[in-house]
Protein backbone atom coordinates (compact mmCIF):
# COMPACT_ATOMS: atom_id res chain seq x y z
CA MET A 1 0.00 -0.04 -0.02
CA ASP A 2 2.79 2.49 0.91
CA THR A 3 4.80 1.28 -2.16
CA THR A 4 1.83 2.09 -4.44
CA TYR A 5 1.29 5.50 -2.87
CA LYS A 6 4.90 6.42 -3.23
CA ARG A 7 5.01 5.33 -6.95
CA ALA A 8 1.87 7.39 -7.54
CA SER A 9 3.40 10.41 -5.76
CA VAL A 10 6.70 10.04 -7.99
CA VAL A 11 4.44 9.76 -11.04
CA ARG A 12 2.52 12.83 -10.16
CA HIS A 13 5.84 14.71 -9.33
CA ARG A 14 7.29 13.90 -12.63
CA THR A 15 4.00 14.76 -14.44
CA THR A 16 4.06 18.27 -12.62
CA ARG A 17 7.74 18.79 -13.46
CA LYS A 18 7.07 17.76 -17.14
CA ARG A 19 4.09 20.12 -17.46
CA SER A 20 6.04 22.95 -15.76
CA GLY A 21 8.90 22.41 -18.29
CA THR A 22 6.47 22.35 -21.16
CA ALA A 23 4.91 25.51 -20.04
CA ARG A 24 8.36 27.23 -19.81
CA LYS A 25 9.31 25.96 -23.21
CA LYS A 26 5.87 27.28 -24.50
CA SER A 27 6.50 30.73 -22.97
CA GLN A 28 9.96 30.71 -24.37
CA MET A 29 8.65 29.83 -27.73
CA ASP A 30 5.96 32.53 -27.60
CA GLY A 31 8.75 35.01 -26.75
CA ARG A 32 10.79 33.98 -29.65
CA ASP A 33 7.81 34.01 -31.92
CA ARG A 34 7.01 37.56 -30.75
CA ARG A 35 10.66 38.56 -31.37
CA ARG A 36 10.62 37.11 -34.75
CA LEU A 37 7.33 38.83 -35.61
CA GLY A 38 8.84 42.15 -34.36
CA GLN A 39 11.97 41.44 -36.63
CA LEU A 40 9.71 40.79 -39.55
CA LEU A 41 7.62 43.78 -38.97
CA VAL A 42 10.87 45.96 -38.71
CA SER A 43 12.13 44.49 -42.00
CA LEU A 44 8.83 45.09 -43.73
CA ALA A 45 8.87 48.60 -42.44
CA LEU A 46 12.38 49.25 -43.74
CA PHE A 47 11.38 47.58 -47.12
CA PHE A 48 8.41 49.98 -47.23
CA LEU A 49 10.52 53.06 -46.40
CA VAL A 50 13.05 52.16 -49.08
CA PHE A 51 10.47 51.25 -51.59
CA VAL A 52 8.69 54.52 -51.22
CA GLY A 53 11.94 56.23 -51.26
CA ARG A 54 12.94 54.70 -54.61
CA GLY A 55 9.57 54.82 -56.14
CA VAL A 56 8.02 58.20 -55.18
CA PHE A 57 11.11 60.35 -54.27
CA PRO A 58 13.73 59.35 -56.82
CA GLU A 59 15.39 62.88 -56.40
CA GLN A 60 15.68 62.37 -52.74
CA ILE A 61 17.53 59.15 -52.45
CA ARG A 62 20.56 61.13 -51.22
CA MET A 63 18.47 62.40 -48.46
CA TRP A 64 17.56 58.87 -47.52
CA GLY A 65 21.33 58.13 -47.50
CA ASP A 66 21.93 61.09 -45.09
CA LEU A 67 19.11 59.72 -42.90
CA LEU A 68 20.55 56.35 -42.73
CA THR A 69 24.06 57.47 -41.96
CA SER A 70 23.02 60.03 -39.42
CA ASP A 71 23.65 59.66 -35.74
CA LEU A 72 20.26 58.39 -34.89
CA ASP A 73 20.08 55.39 -32.56
CA PHE A 74 18.34 52.98 -34.88
CA PRO A 75 18.90 49.88 -32.75
CA GLU A 76 17.29 51.70 -29.83
CA ALA A 77 14.41 52.97 -31.89
CA PHE A 78 13.70 49.43 -33.17
CA ARG A 79 14.09 48.00 -29.83
CA GLN A 80 11.44 50.25 -28.47
CA PHE A 81 9.22 49.29 -31.43
CA GLN A 82 9.70 45.62 -30.63
CA GLN A 83 9.14 46.37 -26.87
CA SER A 84 5.90 47.97 -27.65
CA LEU A 85 4.73 44.96 -29.60
CA GLU A 86 5.77 42.67 -26.64
CA ASP A 87 3.96 44.90 -24.24
CA GLY A 88 0.64 44.43 -26.19
CA SER A 89 0.68 47.78 -27.97
CA ASP A 90 -1.44 48.23 -31.24
CA LEU A 91 0.58 47.64 -34.43
CA GLN A 92 -0.52 51.14 -35.74
CA GLN A 93 0.59 52.95 -32.64
CA ALA A 94 3.96 51.00 -32.64
CA LEU A 95 4.68 52.00 -36.19
CA ALA A 96 3.72 55.69 -35.45
CA GLN A 97 6.13 55.66 -32.61
CA LEU A 98 8.87 54.20 -34.84
CA GLY A 99 8.18 56.78 -37.42
CA ALA A 100 8.35 59.66 -34.82
CA ALA A 101 11.72 58.28 -33.53
CA VAL A 102 13.12 57.90 -37.08
CA PHE A 103 11.75 61.03 -38.63
CA GLY A 104 11.42 63.34 -35.83
CA VAL A 105 7.71 63.81 -36.27
CA GLN A 106 5.82 63.66 -32.93
CA PRO A 107 2.37 62.12 -33.11
CA GLU A 108 -0.48 63.96 -31.27
CA PRO A 109 -2.01 62.17 -28.28
CA GLY A 110 -4.70 59.72 -29.13
CA ALA A 111 -5.34 56.98 -31.70
CA VAL A 112 -3.16 57.09 -34.80
CA SER A 113 -4.52 55.70 -37.98
CA LEU A 114 -2.49 54.71 -41.11
CA PRO A 115 -3.90 55.75 -44.57
CA SER A 116 -6.20 53.33 -46.15
CA ARG A 117 -5.82 54.94 -49.56
CA PRO A 118 -3.27 57.13 -51.52
CA VAL A 119 -3.00 60.61 -49.85
CA VAL A 120 -1.95 63.53 -51.54
CA PHE A 121 0.99 65.38 -49.79
CA LEU A 122 0.47 68.60 -48.05
CA SER A 123 2.80 71.60 -48.59
CA GLN A 124 4.89 70.62 -45.44
CA THR A 125 8.44 69.14 -45.51
CA SER A 126 10.32 67.43 -42.87
CA ARG A 127 13.94 68.03 -42.11
CA PHE A 128 14.85 64.95 -44.18
CA GLY A 129 13.13 66.32 -47.27
CA LEU A 130 10.09 64.07 -47.17
CA ASP A 131 6.49 65.29 -47.29
CA TYR A 132 4.33 64.34 -44.44
CA VAL A 133 0.96 64.97 -42.92
CA GLY A 134 1.62 67.07 -39.91
CA GLU A 135 -1.80 66.73 -38.17
CA SER A 136 -1.24 63.11 -37.40
CA GLY A 137 2.43 62.79 -37.41
CA VAL A 138 2.41 59.84 -39.80
CA VAL A 139 4.68 59.81 -42.65
CA ARG A 140 2.76 59.17 -45.74
CA ALA A 141 3.64 58.59 -49.52
CA ILE A 142 1.53 58.82 -52.77
CA ALA A 143 1.12 55.38 -54.13
CA GLU A 144 2.45 54.96 -57.68
CA SER A 145 -1.02 54.21 -58.91
CA ALA A 146 -2.26 57.67 -57.62
CA PRO A 147 -3.28 59.72 -60.62
CA PRO A 148 -1.27 63.03 -61.17
CA GLN A 149 -2.70 66.09 -59.51
CA GLU A 150 -3.98 69.14 -61.35
CA PRO A 151 -2.03 72.24 -60.63
CA SER A 152 -3.94 74.18 -57.94
CA ASP A 153 -4.81 77.90 -57.77
CA PRO A 154 -2.57 79.90 -55.54
CA LEU A 155 -3.63 80.48 -52.02
CA PRO A 156 -4.75 83.80 -50.91
CA GLY A 157 -1.67 86.00 -50.40
CA GLU A 158 0.60 83.40 -51.94
CA ALA A 159 2.98 84.94 -54.59
CA GLN A 160 2.32 83.83 -58.20
CA GLU A 161 5.04 83.86 -60.87
CA PRO A 162 4.02 86.15 -63.73
CA GLU A 163 3.55 84.63 -67.15
CA ALA A 164 6.38 85.33 -69.55
CA THR A 165 5.56 87.84 -72.08
CA PRO A 166 6.45 87.04 -75.72
CA GLU A 167 9.01 89.51 -77.09
CA ILE A 168 7.65 91.77 -79.78
CA VAL A 169 10.35 92.79 -82.23
CA THR A 170 10.46 94.77 -85.29
CA ALA A 171 9.92 92.83 -88.49
CA VAL A 172 12.85 92.82 -90.94
CA ALA A 173 12.72 91.87 -94.71
CA GLN A 174 14.43 88.93 -96.04
CA ALA A 175 16.57 89.22 -99.16
CA TYR A 176 16.62 85.48 -100.02
CA THR A 177 14.73 82.41 -99.24
CA ASP A 178 16.60 79.59 -97.44
CA ASP A 179 17.15 78.07 -100.96
CA GLY A 180 18.85 81.32 -102.07
CA VAL A 181 15.86 82.61 -104.13
CA ALA A 182 15.55 86.49 -104.33
CA LEU A 183 12.49 87.86 -102.51
CA PRO A 184 10.59 91.14 -103.00
CA SER A 185 11.90 94.03 -100.83
CA ASN A 186 9.10 93.98 -98.27
CA VAL A 187 8.61 90.14 -97.55
CA SER A 188 9.58 87.87 -94.72
CA PHE A 189 9.06 84.20 -94.19
CA ALA A 190 9.99 84.39 -90.57
CA TYR A 191 7.51 84.17 -87.79
CA TYR A 192 6.99 87.30 -85.62
CA GLU A 193 5.01 87.64 -82.42
CA LEU A 194 2.35 90.29 -83.32
CA GLY A 195 1.48 91.10 -79.70
CA LEU A 196 -2.42 91.22 -80.32
CA GLU A 197 -4.70 90.32 -77.53
CA GLU A 198 -7.02 88.36 -79.80
CA THR A 199 -7.19 87.34 -83.35
CA ALA A 200 -9.88 85.66 -85.43
CA VAL A 201 -9.95 83.46 -88.65
CA PRO A 202 -11.63 86.05 -91.12
CA VAL A 203 -13.48 83.30 -93.13
CA GLN A 204 -13.64 79.56 -92.95
CA GLY A 205 -12.82 77.81 -96.26
CA THR A 206 -10.23 76.16 -98.49
CA VAL A 207 -6.72 77.40 -99.16
CA THR A 208 -6.51 78.00 -102.99
CA SER A 209 -3.08 79.84 -103.15
CA THR A 210 -0.39 80.16 -100.59
CA PHE A 211 2.12 83.00 -99.61
CA GLY A 212 4.99 82.69 -102.02
CA TYR A 213 5.99 82.21 -105.75
CA ARG A 214 3.44 80.89 -108.08
CA ASP A 215 2.17 80.98 -111.51
CA ASN A 216 -0.54 83.77 -111.80
CA PRO A 217 -3.89 81.95 -112.70
CA ILE A 218 -4.84 84.89 -114.80
CA ASP A 219 -2.01 85.61 -117.01
CA GLY A 220 0.49 82.68 -116.22
CA ASP A 221 3.34 84.93 -115.07
CA HIS A 222 5.63 83.46 -112.34
CA GLU A 223 5.49 85.96 -109.54
CA PHE A 224 5.30 86.43 -105.71
CA HIS A 225 1.92 86.11 -104.30
CA LEU A 226 1.92 88.38 -101.36
CA ALA A 227 -1.33 86.93 -99.75
CA LEU A 228 -3.24 83.85 -98.54
CA ASP A 229 -6.23 83.00 -100.77
CA ILE A 230 -9.12 81.33 -99.03
CA GLY A 231 -11.93 79.92 -101.13
CA ALA A 232 -15.47 80.39 -99.64
CA PRO A 233 -19.01 80.71 -100.85
CA GLU A 234 -20.21 83.87 -102.41
CA GLY A 235 -21.56 86.24 -99.82
CA ALA A 236 -19.80 84.50 -96.82
CA GLU A 237 -19.19 86.86 -93.94
CA ILE A 238 -15.63 88.12 -93.55
CA GLY A 239 -14.58 89.09 -90.01
CA ALA A 240 -11.83 91.35 -88.80
CA PHE A 241 -8.56 89.66 -87.98
CA ALA A 242 -8.31 91.77 -84.77
CA ASP A 243 -9.44 94.78 -82.97
CA GLY A 244 -8.49 97.98 -85.06
CA VAL A 245 -9.50 100.85 -87.22
CA VAL A 246 -10.39 100.66 -90.88
CA GLU A 247 -7.57 102.58 -92.53
CA TYR A 248 -8.99 102.59 -95.99
CA ILE A 249 -11.53 101.19 -98.48
CA GLY A 250 -11.54 101.02 -102.21
CA GLU A 251 -12.04 99.38 -105.50
CA SER A 252 -9.70 98.51 -108.33
CA ASP A 253 -9.49 96.35 -111.48
CA GLU A 254 -7.07 93.90 -109.69
CA PHE A 255 -8.29 93.64 -106.24
CA GLY A 256 -11.97 94.37 -106.84
CA GLN A 257 -13.55 95.85 -103.50
CA TYR A 258 -11.09 95.91 -100.60
CA LEU A 259 -10.24 97.37 -97.38
CA LYS A 260 -7.34 97.46 -94.88
CA ILE A 261 -7.58 97.55 -91.09
CA SER A 262 -4.82 98.76 -88.82
CA HIS A 263 -4.17 96.95 -85.49
CA ALA A 264 -1.92 97.55 -82.56
CA ASN A 265 1.93 97.23 -82.70
CA GLN A 266 2.25 98.19 -86.40
CA VAL A 267 0.10 95.23 -87.64
CA SER A 268 -2.35 95.57 -90.36
CA SER A 269 -4.61 93.26 -92.43
CA PHE A 270 -5.86 93.67 -96.05
CA TYR A 271 -9.00 92.04 -97.50
CA ALA A 272 -9.61 91.95 -101.30
CA HIS A 273 -12.11 90.60 -104.10
CA CYS A 274 -15.07 91.29 -101.70
CA SER A 275 -18.63 91.46 -102.95
CA LYS A 276 -19.60 94.10 -100.60
CA LEU A 277 -17.93 96.30 -97.84
CA LEU A 278 -19.79 96.80 -94.60
CA VAL A 279 -17.53 99.32 -93.00
CA SER A 280 -16.24 102.82 -93.86
CA LYS A 281 -12.82 104.51 -93.51
CA GLY A 282 -12.13 105.42 -89.82
CA ASP A 283 -14.59 102.93 -88.31
CA THR A 284 -13.49 101.15 -85.13
CA VAL A 285 -13.95 97.38 -85.34
CA THR A 286 -13.64 94.57 -83.08
CA CYS A 287 -12.00 91.20 -83.53
CA GLY A 288 -14.29 88.90 -85.61
CA GLN A 289 -16.69 91.75 -86.49
CA THR A 290 -18.23 91.27 -90.00
CA VAL A 291 -16.61 93.83 -92.22
CA ALA A 292 -17.32 92.44 -95.76
CA LEU A 293 -18.70 89.67 -97.78
CA VAL A 294 -16.82 87.07 -99.93
CA GLY A 295 -16.95 87.80 -103.70
CA GLU A 296 -14.82 87.34 -106.83
CA THR A 297 -14.47 91.16 -108.03
CA GLY A 298 -11.39 92.14 -109.89
CA ASN A 299 -8.96 89.65 -111.17
CA ALA A 300 -10.44 86.37 -109.60
CA THR A 301 -11.07 83.03 -110.79
CA GLY A 302 -13.82 82.35 -108.09
CA PRO A 303 -15.22 83.67 -105.00
CA HIS A 304 -12.40 83.92 -102.30
CA LEU A 305 -10.78 86.10 -99.69
CA HIS A 306 -7.40 87.49 -100.70
CA LEU A 307 -5.92 88.14 -97.12
CA THR A 308 -2.57 89.82 -96.37
CA ILE A 309 -1.00 90.58 -92.97
CA GLU A 310 1.81 93.19 -92.38
CA LYS A 311 3.89 94.00 -89.44
CA ASP A 312 6.11 97.16 -89.74
CA ASN A 313 5.30 97.42 -93.37
CA ILE A 314 6.70 93.90 -93.94
CA ARG A 315 4.35 91.31 -95.66
CA LEU A 316 4.29 88.05 -93.41
CA ASP A 317 2.94 84.57 -94.31
CA PRO A 318 -0.71 84.69 -92.94
CA ALA A 319 -0.64 80.79 -92.63
CA TYR A 320 1.25 81.54 -89.33
CA TYR A 321 -1.52 83.38 -87.89
CA VAL A 322 -4.73 81.90 -89.49
CA ASP A 323 -5.68 78.33 -88.56
CA LEU A 324 -8.00 76.81 -91.16
CA SER A 325 -7.70 73.25 -89.78
């Protein structure tokens, strides 16, 4: 009886020791698992930071290098991160504390939430050159899939860079074409900025003759055509090329009924072969205002507008300034 009781006591004692050893091993394994989990999360966090740095901030990789080579105590920061996890802290709070230790951004008291979708940066920059959302203290990055943002209007009181004003220069005649062909004394194929606030296509139609040398359709002579001919229906309205004043009107055997409008910056436009003139000398006209009707008066083979554009008394190619597309 005593022997049986002793054996039973020994068995219970061994079982208790075995269970105690198993519990210690399980506790040790849980601790190792938590440390491994912490190391894994730290690795993922580092991977995420490097990934964002390479993908979203390619021009700031050097700043990342400065960060990684600074005198920050990274082991201590990561040890605190791991300790927070082991103490049962929320993962998001632990990551927020890690970001605060590494980037110098202090989170505000209370719960800190990570972004659940791409977030557009605010105009605030940390000391390492990375944009962040200052309200929560959480470093954020725009995902590569985020669409490009439209330029925003300047904030009230914010300085706005003035738009560059095109330089307006005096037009100069060309003596020869690029191929060495002699040109009339008042012609240039160069493009000049006219400096007009607004311009309009005088009439919509088809180009029947361009600016340059051609065989005259009336007598066949090879000569320089100083205008752009736009074929259009008889009676189609002709609008003013830009704001200006009617310099003169007239009629001749060559041009039929015609008029000339003076614009700003020594620019003028001439309209010929009209069927009817709707303005008089000295009238002030606005851009696009109807000033005449298309016709085929004078030396013409069909209804069209004979349009010339001058700057500083130099004839320019109207195709530069009239888009018929």
